[in-house]
Amino acid sequence: MSPPTDKRSHPRKRVLTAAMVAPNGHQHEAQVLDLSLGGARLRLPDDWIPRDGAALRISFLQDTDEAITLAGHVTRVAVDHMGVEFDPAQEARVRDLFDAIGAGR
């Protein structure tokens, strides 16, 4: 039996960085576990349980003067993490994020 094939459009980069997720304007602390040009996998915040399809903003809090904030929506909720797809037309900002956290190397 052959191993399963990853069918994602964009390869993932493993990262571990802090983020704030904001559904409906209320912010919750989260950790980014991996990142791609299309989305991210985040550890679930302790004080919020997302719903599939929920719109949110993610502010990535790396060592820069200003957080990089991206819009997206929840695509999957698991026991301890969630998948988020970034809204289209933010590729330049995602690349800025990759550069800021060193994931582009």
PDB file of N, CA and C in Angstrom:
ATOM      1  N   MET A   1       0.843  -1.173   0.000  1.00  0.00           N
ATOM      2  CA  MET A   1       0.000   0.000   0.000  1.00  0.00           C
ATOM      3  C   MET A   1       0.893   1.244   0.000  1.00  0.00           C
ATOM      4  N   SER A   2       0.669   2.155  -0.926  1.00  0.00           N
ATOM      5  CA  SER A   2       1.504   3.346  -1.032  1.00  0.00           C
ATOM      6  C   SER A   2       1.030   4.423  -0.056  1.00  0.00           C
ATOM      7  N   PRO A   3       1.971   5.303   0.376  1.00  0.00           N
ATOM      8  CA  PRO A   3       1.589   6.364   1.323  1.00  0.00           C
ATOM      9  C   PRO A   3       0.640   7.358   0.668  1.00  0.00           C
ATOM     10  N   PRO A   4      -0.213   8.007   1.466  1.00  0.00           N
ATOM     11  CA  PRO A   4      -1.150   8.981   0.897  1.00  0.00           C
ATOM     12  C   PRO A   4      -0.404  10.162   0.277  1.00  0.00           C
ATOM     13  N   THR A   5      -0.969  10.702  -0.781  1.00  0.00           N
ATOM     14  CA  THR A   5      -0.387  11.838  -1.474  1.00  0.00           C
ATOM     15  C   THR A   5      -1.013  13.126  -0.942  1.00  0.00           C
ATOM     16  N   ASP A   6      -0.164  14.118  -0.695  1.00  0.00           N
ATOM     17  CA  ASP A   6      -0.658  15.419  -0.237  1.00  0.00           C
ATOM     18  C   ASP A   6      -1.225  16.155  -1.448  1.00  0.00           C
ATOM     19  N   LYS A   7      -2.490  16.505  -1.402  1.00  0.00           N
ATOM     20  CA  LYS A   7      -3.169  17.127  -2.538  1.00  0.00           C
ATOM     21  C   LYS A   7      -3.286  18.642  -2.397  1.00  0.00           C
ATOM     22  N   ARG A   8      -2.540  19.231  -1.484  1.00  0.00           N
ATOM     23  CA  ARG A   8      -2.607  20.674  -1.282  1.00  0.00           C
ATOM     24  C   ARG A   8      -2.020  21.420  -2.474  1.00  0.00           C
ATOM     25  N   SER A   9      -2.552  22.612  -2.721  1.00  0.00           N
ATOM     26  CA  SER A   9      -2.061  23.441  -3.821  1.00  0.00           C
ATOM     27  C   SER A   9      -0.694  24.042  -3.526  1.00  0.00           C
ATOM     28  N   HIS A  10      -0.406  24.271  -2.242  1.00  0.00           N
ATOM     29  CA  HIS A  10       0.840  24.928  -1.837  1.00  0.00           C
ATOM     30  C   HIS A  10       1.544  24.081  -0.779  1.00  0.00           C
ATOM     31  N   PRO A  11       2.858  23.917  -0.892  1.00  0.00           N
ATOM     32  CA  PRO A  11       3.581  23.167   0.143  1.00  0.00           C
ATOM     33  C   PRO A  11       3.570  23.904   1.476  1.00  0.00           C
ATOM     34  N   ARG A  12       3.574  23.117   2.555  1.00  0.00           N
ATOM     35  CA  ARG A  12       3.569  23.689   3.904  1.00  0.00           C
ATOM     36  C   ARG A  12       4.981  23.877   4.415  1.00  0.00           C
ATOM     37  N   LYS A  13       5.138  24.899   5.252  1.00  0.00           N
ATOM     38  CA  LYS A  13       6.386  25.145   5.972  1.00  0.00           C
ATOM     39  C   LYS A  13       6.057  25.017   7.454  1.00  0.00           C
ATOM     40  N   ARG A  14       6.817  24.205   8.175  1.00  0.00           N
ATOM     41  CA  ARG A  14       6.617  24.100   9.617  1.00  0.00           C
ATOM     42  C   ARG A  14       7.153  25.360  10.280  1.00  0.00           C
ATOM     43  N   VAL A  15       6.351  25.963  11.105  1.00  0.00           N
ATOM     44  CA  VAL A  15       6.737  27.151  11.852  1.00  0.00           C
ATOM     45  C   VAL A  15       6.152  27.033  13.252  1.00  0.00           C
ATOM     46  N   LEU A  16       6.616  27.839  14.131  1.00  0.00           N
ATOM     47  CA  LEU A  16       6.010  27.957  15.450  1.00  0.00           C
ATOM     48  C   LEU A  16       6.118  29.422  15.824  1.00  0.00           C
ATOM     49  N   THR A  17       5.011  30.124  15.680  1.00  0.00           N
ATOM     50  CA  THR A  17       5.004  31.556  15.944  1.00  0.00           C
ATOM     51  C   THR A  17       3.664  31.950  16.552  1.00  0.00           C
ATOM     52  N   ALA A  18       3.666  33.034  17.280  1.00  0.00           N
ATOM     53  CA  ALA A  18       2.448  33.512  17.930  1.00  0.00           C
ATOM     54  C   ALA A  18       1.552  34.241  16.936  1.00  0.00           C
ATOM     55  N   ALA A  19       0.256  34.178  17.196  1.00  0.00           N
ATOM     56  CA  ALA A  19      -0.715  34.888  16.369  1.00  0.00           C
ATOM     57  C   ALA A  19      -1.924  35.233  17.229  1.00  0.00           C
ATOM     58  N   MET A  20      -2.685  36.177  16.754  1.00  0.00           N
ATOM     59  CA  MET A  20      -3.981  36.503  17.349  1.00  0.00           C
ATOM     60  C   MET A  20      -5.023  36.254  16.269  1.00  0.00           C
ATOM     61  N   VAL A  21      -6.066  35.506  16.597  1.00  0.00           N
ATOM     62  CA  VAL A  21      -7.170  35.299  15.665  1.00  0.00           C
ATOM     63  C   VAL A  21      -8.349  36.125  16.162  1.00  0.00           C
ATOM     64  N   ALA A  22      -9.028  36.753  15.223  1.00  0.00           N
ATOM     65  CA  ALA A  22     -10.117  37.653  15.595  1.00  0.00           C
ATOM     66  C   ALA A  22     -11.359  37.373  14.763  1.00  0.00           C
ATOM     67  N   PRO A  23     -12.225  36.502  15.264  1.00  0.00           N
ATOM     68  CA  PRO A  23     -13.546  36.369  14.648  1.00  0.00           C
ATOM     69  C   PRO A  23     -14.450  37.430  15.280  1.00  0.00           C
ATOM     70  N   ASN A  24     -15.220  38.101  14.522  1.00  0.00           N
ATOM     71  CA  ASN A  24     -16.158  39.103  15.051  1.00  0.00           C
ATOM     72  C   ASN A  24     -15.474  40.172  15.897  1.00  0.00           C
ATOM     73  N   GLY A  25     -14.194  40.441  15.651  1.00  0.00           N
ATOM     74  CA  GLY A  25     -13.505  41.503  16.356  1.00  0.00           C
ATOM     75  C   GLY A  25     -12.940  41.150  17.718  1.00  0.00           C
ATOM     76  N   HIS A  26     -13.272  39.992  18.271  1.00  0.00           N
ATOM     77  CA  HIS A  26     -12.745  39.562  19.574  1.00  0.00           C
ATOM     78  C   HIS A  26     -11.470  38.764  19.349  1.00  0.00           C
ATOM     79  N   GLN A  27     -10.375  39.177  19.959  1.00  0.00           N
ATOM     80  CA  GLN A  27      -9.086  38.528  19.725  1.00  0.00           C
ATOM     81  C   GLN A  27      -8.841  37.370  20.686  1.00  0.00           C
ATOM     82  N   HIS A  28      -8.187  36.324  20.142  1.00  0.00           N
ATOM     83  CA  HIS A  28      -7.835  35.136  20.908  1.00  0.00           C
ATOM     84  C   HIS A  28      -6.404  34.752  20.545  1.00  0.00           C
ATOM     85  N   GLU A  29      -5.612  34.391  21.554  1.00  0.00           N
ATOM     86  CA  GLU A  29      -4.233  33.968  21.310  1.00  0.00           C
ATOM     87  C   GLU A  29      -4.215  32.587  20.669  1.00  0.00           C
ATOM     88  N   ALA A  30      -3.287  32.409  19.722  1.00  0.00           N
ATOM     89  CA  ALA A  30      -3.121  31.120  19.059  1.00  0.00           C
ATOM     90  C   ALA A  30      -1.654  30.948  18.683  1.00  0.00           C
ATOM     91  N   GLN A  31      -1.296  29.743  18.296  1.00  0.00           N
ATOM     92  CA  GLN A  31       0.048  29.454  17.791  1.00  0.00           C
ATOM     93  C   GLN A  31      -0.079  28.906  16.384  1.00  0.00           C
ATOM     94  N   VAL A  32       0.755  29.410  15.487  1.00  0.00           N
ATOM     95  CA  VAL A  32       0.793  28.922  14.114  1.00  0.00           C
ATOM     96  C   VAL A  32       1.735  27.717  14.090  1.00  0.00           C
ATOM     97  N   LEU A  33       1.249  26.591  13.563  1.00  0.00           N
ATOM     98  CA  LEU A  33       2.027  25.358  13.514  1.00  0.00           C
ATOM     99  C   LEU A  33       2.659  25.124  12.151  1.00  0.00           C
ATOM    100  N   ASP A  34       1.942  25.485  11.108  1.00  0.00           N
ATOM    101  CA  ASP A  34       2.531  25.461   9.768  1.00  0.00           C
ATOM    102  C   ASP A  34       1.827  26.476   8.900  1.00  0.00           C
ATOM    103  N   LEU A  35       2.480  26.780   7.779  1.00  0.00           N
ATOM    104  CA  LEU A  35       2.069  27.902   6.948  1.00  0.00           C
ATOM    105  C   LEU A  35       2.318  27.560   5.491  1.00  0.00           C
ATOM    106  N   SER A  36       1.410  27.981   4.630  1.00  0.00           N
ATOM    107  CA  SER A  36       1.610  27.863   3.188  1.00  0.00           C
ATOM    108  C   SER A  36       1.099  29.144   2.548  1.00  0.00           C
ATOM    109  N   LEU A  37       1.305  29.277   1.251  1.00  0.00           N
ATOM    110  CA  LEU A  37       0.778  30.459   0.560  1.00  0.00           C
ATOM    111  C   LEU A  37      -0.747  30.495   0.606  1.00  0.00           C
ATOM    112  N   GLY A  38      -1.369  29.336   0.796  1.00  0.00           N
ATOM    113  CA  GLY A  38      -2.823  29.272   0.795  1.00  0.00           C
ATOM    114  C   GLY A  38      -3.490  29.329   2.154  1.00  0.00           C
ATOM    115  N   GLY A  39      -2.735  29.066   3.231  1.00  0.00           N
ATOM    116  CA  GLY A  39      -3.372  29.038   4.542  1.00  0.00           C
ATOM    117  C   GLY A  39      -2.416  28.653   5.651  1.00  0.00           C
ATOM    118  N   ALA A  40      -2.991  28.295   6.785  1.00  0.00           N
ATOM    119  CA  ALA A  40      -2.182  27.971   7.959  1.00  0.00           C
ATOM    120  C   ALA A  40      -2.910  26.942   8.814  1.00  0.00           C
ATOM    121  N   ARG A  41      -2.125  26.263   9.658  1.00  0.00           N
ATOM    122  CA  ARG A  41      -2.674  25.382  10.681  1.00  0.00           C
ATOM    123  C   ARG A  41      -2.310  26.005  12.016  1.00  0.00           C
ATOM    124  N   LEU A  42      -3.310  26.224  12.847  1.00  0.00           N
ATOM    125  CA  LEU A  42      -3.108  26.886  14.136  1.00  0.00           C
ATOM    126  C   LEU A  42      -3.607  26.009  15.273  1.00  0.00           C
ATOM    127  N   ARG A  43      -2.874  26.052  16.374  1.00  0.00           N
ATOM    128  CA  ARG A  43      -3.347  25.392  17.591  1.00  0.00           C
ATOM    129  C   ARG A  43      -4.606  26.132  18.038  1.00  0.00           C
ATOM    130  N   LEU A  44      -5.594  25.399  18.510  1.00  0.00           N
ATOM    131  CA  LEU A  44      -6.843  26.029  18.945  1.00  0.00           C
ATOM    132  C   LEU A  44      -6.607  26.951  20.137  1.00  0.00           C
ATOM    133  N   PRO A  45      -7.180  28.136  20.111  1.00  0.00           N
ATOM    134  CA  PRO A  45      -7.108  29.007  21.286  1.00  0.00           C
ATOM    135  C   PRO A  45      -7.835  28.353  22.471  1.00  0.00           C
ATOM    136  N   ASP A  46      -7.405  28.662  23.680  1.00  0.00           N
ATOM    137  CA  ASP A  46      -8.031  28.099  24.877  1.00  0.00           C
ATOM    138  C   ASP A  46      -9.428  28.648  25.126  1.00  0.00           C
ATOM    139  N   ASP A  47      -9.703  29.846  24.622  1.00  0.00           N
ATOM    140  CA  ASP A  47     -10.954  30.519  24.961  1.00  0.00           C
ATOM    141  C   ASP A  47     -11.928  30.687  23.796  1.00  0.00           C
ATOM    142  N   TRP A  48     -11.755  29.905  22.728  1.00  0.00           N
ATOM    143  CA  TRP A  48     -12.660  30.019  21.582  1.00  0.00           C
ATOM    144  C   TRP A  48     -12.622  28.736  20.781  1.00  0.00           C
ATOM    145  N   ILE A  49     -13.780  28.221  20.409  1.00  0.00           N
ATOM    146  CA  ILE A  49     -13.877  27.043  19.557  1.00  0.00           C
ATOM    147  C   ILE A  49     -14.486  27.492  18.234  1.00  0.00           C
ATOM    148  N   PRO A  50     -13.700  27.427  17.151  1.00  0.00           N
ATOM    149  CA  PRO A  50     -14.189  27.920  15.858  1.00  0.00           C
ATOM    150  C   PRO A  50     -15.194  26.972  15.214  1.00  0.00           C
ATOM    151  N   ARG A  51     -15.925  27.504  14.277  1.00  0.00           N
ATOM    152  CA  ARG A  51     -16.839  26.737  13.435  1.00  0.00           C
ATOM    153  C   ARG A  51     -16.263  26.683  12.024  1.00  0.00           C
ATOM    154  N   ASP A  52     -16.499  25.587  11.317  1.00  0.00           N
ATOM    155  CA  ASP A  52     -16.113  25.525   9.909  1.00  0.00           C
ATOM    156  C   ASP A  52     -16.747  26.690   9.166  1.00  0.00           C
ATOM    157  N   GLY A  53     -15.956  27.353   8.344  1.00  0.00           N
ATOM    158  CA  GLY A  53     -16.451  28.459   7.542  1.00  0.00           C
ATOM    159  C   GLY A  53     -16.398  29.814   8.226  1.00  0.00           C
ATOM    160  N   ALA A  54     -16.076  29.850   9.524  1.00  0.00           N
ATOM    161  CA  ALA A  54     -16.041  31.124  10.246  1.00  0.00           C
ATOM    162  C   ALA A  54     -14.989  32.051   9.639  1.00  0.00           C
ATOM    163  N   ALA A  55     -15.382  33.275   9.349  1.00  0.00           N
ATOM    164  CA  ALA A  55     -14.446  34.285   8.847  1.00  0.00           C
ATOM    165  C   ALA A  55     -13.649  34.830  10.014  1.00  0.00           C
ATOM    166  N   LEU A  56     -12.380  35.130   9.769  1.00  0.00           N
ATOM    167  CA  LEU A  56     -11.547  35.694  10.820  1.00  0.00           C
ATOM    168  C   LEU A  56     -10.369  36.438  10.236  1.00  0.00           C
ATOM    169  N   ARG A  57      -9.730  37.204  11.092  1.00  0.00           N
ATOM    170  CA  ARG A  57      -8.476  37.879  10.763  1.00  0.00           C
ATOM    171  C   ARG A  57      -7.416  37.256  11.645  1.00  0.00           C
ATOM    172  N   ILE A  58      -6.249  37.043  11.062  1.00  0.00           N
ATOM    173  CA  ILE A  58      -5.125  36.486  11.804  1.00  0.00           C
ATOM    174  C   ILE A  58      -4.006  37.507  11.780  1.00  0.00           C
ATOM    175  N   SER A  59      -3.579  37.915  12.950  1.00  0.00           N
ATOM    176  CA  SER A  59      -2.448  38.837  13.071  1.00  0.00           C
ATOM    177  C   SER A  59      -1.248  38.020  13.529  1.00  0.00           C
ATOM    178  N   PHE A  60      -0.249  37.951  12.683  1.00  0.00           N
ATOM    179  CA  PHE A  60       0.968  37.204  12.976  1.00  0.00           C
ATOM    180  C   PHE A  60       1.915  38.139  13.718  1.00  0.00           C
ATOM    181  N   LEU A  61       2.362  37.706  14.889  1.00  0.00           N
ATOM    182  CA  LEU A  61       3.087  38.568  15.814  1.00  0.00           C
ATOM    183  C   LEU A  61       4.561  38.189  15.882  1.00  0.00           C
ATOM    184  N   GLN A  62       5.278  38.440  14.838  1.00  0.00           N
ATOM    185  CA  GLN A  62       6.712  38.165  14.834  1.00  0.00           C
ATOM    186  C   GLN A  62       7.471  39.414  15.251  1.00  0.00           C
ATOM    187  N   ASP A  63       8.776  39.344  15.274  1.00  0.00           N
ATOM    188  CA  ASP A  63       9.604  40.466  15.731  1.00  0.00           C
ATOM    189  C   ASP A  63       9.728  41.548  14.662  1.00  0.00           C
ATOM    190  N   THR A  64       8.645  42.229  14.395  1.00  0.00           N
ATOM    191  CA  THR A  64       8.655  43.355  13.462  1.00  0.00           C
ATOM    192  C   THR A  64       7.941  44.521  14.136  1.00  0.00           C
ATOM    193  N   ASP A  65       8.009  45.672  13.518  1.00  0.00           N
ATOM    194  CA  ASP A  65       7.361  46.851  14.084  1.00  0.00           C
ATOM    195  C   ASP A  65       5.839  46.738  14.068  1.00  0.00           C
ATOM    196  N   GLU A  66       5.323  45.987  13.117  1.00  0.00           N
ATOM    197  CA  GLU A  66       3.880  45.927  12.919  1.00  0.00           C
ATOM    198  C   GLU A  66       3.480  44.491  12.583  1.00  0.00           C
ATOM    199  N   ALA A  67       2.397  44.003  13.178  1.00  0.00           N
ATOM    200  CA  ALA A  67       1.903  42.659  12.881  1.00  0.00           C
ATOM    201  C   ALA A  67       1.430  42.588  11.427  1.00  0.00           C
ATOM    202  N   ILE A  68       1.575  41.423  10.833  1.00  0.00           N
ATOM    203  CA  ILE A  68       1.049  41.186   9.493  1.00  0.00           C
ATOM    204  C   ILE A  68      -0.308  40.516   9.674  1.00  0.00           C
ATOM    205  N   THR A  69      -1.357  41.155   9.172  1.00  0.00           N
ATOM    206  CA  THR A  69      -2.715  40.662   9.361  1.00  0.00           C
ATOM    207  C   THR A  69      -3.284  40.191   8.033  1.00  0.00           C
ATOM    208  N   LEU A  70      -3.857  38.983   8.052  1.00  0.00           N
ATOM    209  CA  LEU A  70      -4.456  38.383   6.865  1.00  0.00           C
ATOM    210  C   LEU A  70      -5.900  37.985   7.158  1.00  0.00           C
ATOM    211  N   ALA A  71      -6.745  38.064   6.156  1.00  0.00           N
ATOM    212  CA  ALA A  71      -8.127  37.621   6.273  1.00  0.00           C
ATOM    213  C   ALA A  71      -8.226  36.186   5.783  1.00  0.00           C
ATOM    214  N   GLY A  72      -9.104  35.421   6.405  1.00  0.00           N
ATOM    215  CA  GLY A  72      -9.292  34.039   5.992  1.00  0.00           C
ATOM    216  C   GLY A  72     -10.554  33.462   6.589  1.00  0.00           C
ATOM    217  N   HIS A  73     -10.693  32.149   6.436  1.00  0.00           N
ATOM    218  CA  HIS A  73     -11.831  31.456   7.041  1.00  0.00           C
ATOM    219  C   HIS A  73     -11.403  30.057   7.461  1.00  0.00           C
ATOM    220  N   VAL A  74     -12.079  29.538   8.457  1.00  0.00           N
ATOM    221  CA  VAL A  74     -11.778  28.217   9.001  1.00  0.00           C
ATOM    222  C   VAL A  74     -12.256  27.163   8.010  1.00  0.00           C
ATOM    223  N   THR A  75     -11.352  26.241   7.669  1.00  0.00           N
ATOM    224  CA  THR A  75     -11.712  25.163   6.751  1.00  0.00           C
ATOM    225  C   THR A  75     -11.829  23.813   7.431  1.00  0.00           C
ATOM    226  N   ARG A  76     -11.231  23.703   8.637  1.00  0.00           N
ATOM    227  CA  ARG A  76     -11.252  22.413   9.334  1.00  0.00           C
ATOM    228  C   ARG A  76     -10.992  22.658  10.810  1.00  0.00           C
ATOM    229  N   VAL A  77     -11.738  21.956  11.648  1.00  0.00           N
ATOM    230  CA  VAL A  77     -11.520  22.021  13.087  1.00  0.00           C
ATOM    231  C   VAL A  77     -11.254  20.605  13.573  1.00  0.00           C
ATOM    232  N   ALA A  78     -10.119  20.413  14.236  1.00  0.00           N
ATOM    233  CA  ALA A  78      -9.750  19.119  14.804  1.00  0.00           C
ATOM    234  C   ALA A  78      -9.746  19.240  16.325  1.00  0.00           C
ATOM    235  N   VAL A  79      -9.306  18.208  16.995  1.00  0.00           N
ATOM    236  CA  VAL A  79      -9.313  18.198  18.454  1.00  0.00           C
ATOM    237  C   VAL A  79      -8.456  19.309  19.040  1.00  0.00           C
ATOM    238  N   ASP A  80      -7.275  19.560  18.449  1.00  0.00           N
ATOM    239  CA  ASP A  80      -6.359  20.529  19.042  1.00  0.00           C
ATOM    240  C   ASP A  80      -5.851  21.596  18.075  1.00  0.00           C
ATOM    241  N   HIS A  81      -6.349  21.600  16.854  1.00  0.00           N
ATOM    242  CA  HIS A  81      -5.908  22.598  15.883  1.00  0.00           C
ATOM    243  C   HIS A  81      -7.014  22.888  14.875  1.00  0.00           C
ATOM    244  N   MET A  82      -6.790  23.951  14.084  1.00  0.00           N
ATOM    245  CA  MET A  82      -7.731  24.301  13.022  1.00  0.00           C
ATOM    246  C   MET A  82      -6.961  24.654  11.758  1.00  0.00           C
ATOM    247  N   GLY A  83      -7.586  24.415  10.631  1.00  0.00           N
ATOM    248  CA  GLY A  83      -7.045  24.822   9.348  1.00  0.00           C
ATOM    249  C   GLY A  83      -7.728  26.100   8.907  1.00  0.00           C
ATOM    250  N   VAL A  84      -6.940  27.020   8.373  1.00  0.00           N
ATOM    251  CA  VAL A  84      -7.466  28.300   7.899  1.00  0.00           C
ATOM    252  C   VAL A  84      -6.998  28.503   6.470  1.00  0.00           C
ATOM    253  N   GLU A  85      -7.911  28.891   5.606  1.00  0.00           N
ATOM    254  CA  GLU A  85      -7.567  29.256   4.237  1.00  0.00           C
ATOM    255  C   GLU A  85      -7.568  30.770   4.144  1.00  0.00           C
ATOM    256  N   PHE A  86      -6.471  31.323   3.593  1.00  0.00           N
ATOM    257  CA  PHE A  86      -6.401  32.765   3.410  1.00  0.00           C
ATOM    258  C   PHE A  86      -7.306  33.177   2.270  1.00  0.00           C
ATOM    259  N   ASP A  87      -7.941  34.341   2.401  1.00  0.00           N
ATOM    260  CA  ASP A  87      -8.741  34.869   1.308  1.00  0.00           C
ATOM    261  C   ASP A  87      -7.824  35.163   0.125  1.00  0.00           C
ATOM    262  N   PRO A  88      -8.329  34.996  -1.106  1.00  0.00           N
ATOM    263  CA  PRO A  88      -7.502  35.238  -2.294  1.00  0.00           C
ATOM    264  C   PRO A  88      -6.976  36.676  -2.355  1.00  0.00           C
ATOM    265  N   ALA A  89      -6.018  36.893  -3.202  1.00  0.00           N
ATOM    266  CA  ALA A  89      -5.438  38.216  -3.485  1.00  0.00           C
ATOM    267  C   ALA A  89      -4.612  38.775  -2.329  1.00  0.00           C
ATOM    268  N   GLN A  90      -4.081  37.900  -1.471  1.00  0.00           N
ATOM    269  CA  GLN A  90      -3.212  38.355  -0.386  1.00  0.00           C
ATOM    270  C   GLN A  90      -1.820  37.745  -0.495  1.00  0.00           C
ATOM    271  N   GLU A  91      -1.496  37.197  -1.644  1.00  0.00           N
ATOM    272  CA  GLU A  91      -0.237  36.476  -1.800  1.00  0.00           C
ATOM    273  C   GLU A  91       0.979  37.332  -1.453  1.00  0.00           C
ATOM    274  N   ALA A  92       0.963  38.603  -1.817  1.00  0.00           N
ATOM    275  CA  ALA A  92       2.104  39.480  -1.494  1.00  0.00           C
ATOM    276  C   ALA A  92       2.269  39.611   0.017  1.00  0.00           C
ATOM    277  N   ARG A  93       1.156  39.741   0.746  1.00  0.00           N
ATOM    278  CA  ARG A  93       1.225  39.825   2.215  1.00  0.00           C
ATOM    279  C   ARG A  93       1.691  38.500   2.824  1.00  0.00           C
ATOM    280  N   VAL A  94       1.256  37.385   2.249  1.00  0.00           N
ATOM    281  CA  VAL A  94       1.704  36.073   2.746  1.00  0.00           C
ATOM    282  C   VAL A  94       3.207  35.937   2.523  1.00  0.00           C
ATOM    283  N   ARG A  95       3.694  36.376   1.376  1.00  0.00           N
ATOM    284  CA  ARG A  95       5.145  36.330   1.127  1.00  0.00           C
ATOM    285  C   ARG A  95       5.894  37.242   2.107  1.00  0.00           C
ATOM    286  N   ASP A  96       5.324  38.401   2.427  1.00  0.00           N
ATOM    287  CA  ASP A  96       5.917  39.266   3.454  1.00  0.00           C
ATOM    288  C   ASP A  96       6.010  38.517   4.782  1.00  0.00           C
ATOM    289  N   LEU A  97       4.957  37.777   5.106  1.00  0.00           N
ATOM    290  CA  LEU A  97       4.943  37.003   6.343  1.00  0.00           C
ATOM    291  C   LEU A  97       6.029  35.930   6.326  1.00  0.00           C
ATOM    292  N   PHE A  98       6.136  35.196   5.218  1.00  0.00           N
ATOM    293  CA  PHE A  98       7.177  34.166   5.082  1.00  0.00           C
ATOM    294  C   PHE A  98       8.557  34.777   5.311  1.00  0.00           C
ATOM    295  N   ASP A  99       8.799  35.936   4.719  1.00  0.00           N
ATOM    296  CA  ASP A  99      10.094  36.604   4.888  1.00  0.00           C
ATOM    297  C   ASP A  99      10.307  37.033   6.357  1.00  0.00           C
ATOM    298  N   ALA A 100       9.266  37.575   6.974  1.00  0.00           N
ATOM    299  CA  ALA A 100       9.386  38.090   8.341  1.00  0.00           C
ATOM    300  C   ALA A 100       9.669  36.989   9.357  1.00  0.00           C
ATOM    301  N   ILE A 101       9.114  35.801   9.155  1.00  0.00           N
ATOM    302  CA  ILE A 101       9.329  34.719  10.134  1.00  0.00           C
ATOM    303  C   ILE A 101      10.373  33.720   9.665  1.00  0.00           C
ATOM    304  N   GLY A 102      10.985  33.987   8.515  1.00  0.00           N
ATOM    305  CA  GLY A 102      12.064  33.122   8.043  1.00  0.00           C
ATOM    306  C   GLY A 102      11.590  31.809   7.456  1.00  0.00           C
ATOM    307  N   ALA A 103      10.330  31.728   7.040  1.00  0.00           N
ATOM    308  CA  ALA A 103       9.788  30.489   6.468  1.00  0.00           C
ATOM    309  C   ALA A 103      10.080  30.379   4.984  1.00  0.00           C
ATOM    310  N   GLY A 104      10.542  31.430   4.352  1.00  0.00           N
ATOM    311  CA  GLY A 104      10.790  31.411   2.912  1.00  0.00           C
ATOM    312  C   GLY A 104      12.100  30.759   2.537  1.00  0.00           C
ATOM    313  N   ARG A 105      12.908  30.405   3.514  1.00  0.00           N
ATOM    314  CA  ARG A 105      14.227  29.809   3.240  1.00  0.00           C
ATOM    315  C   ARG A 105      14.156  28.340   3.058  1.00  0.00           C
TER     316      ARG A 105
END
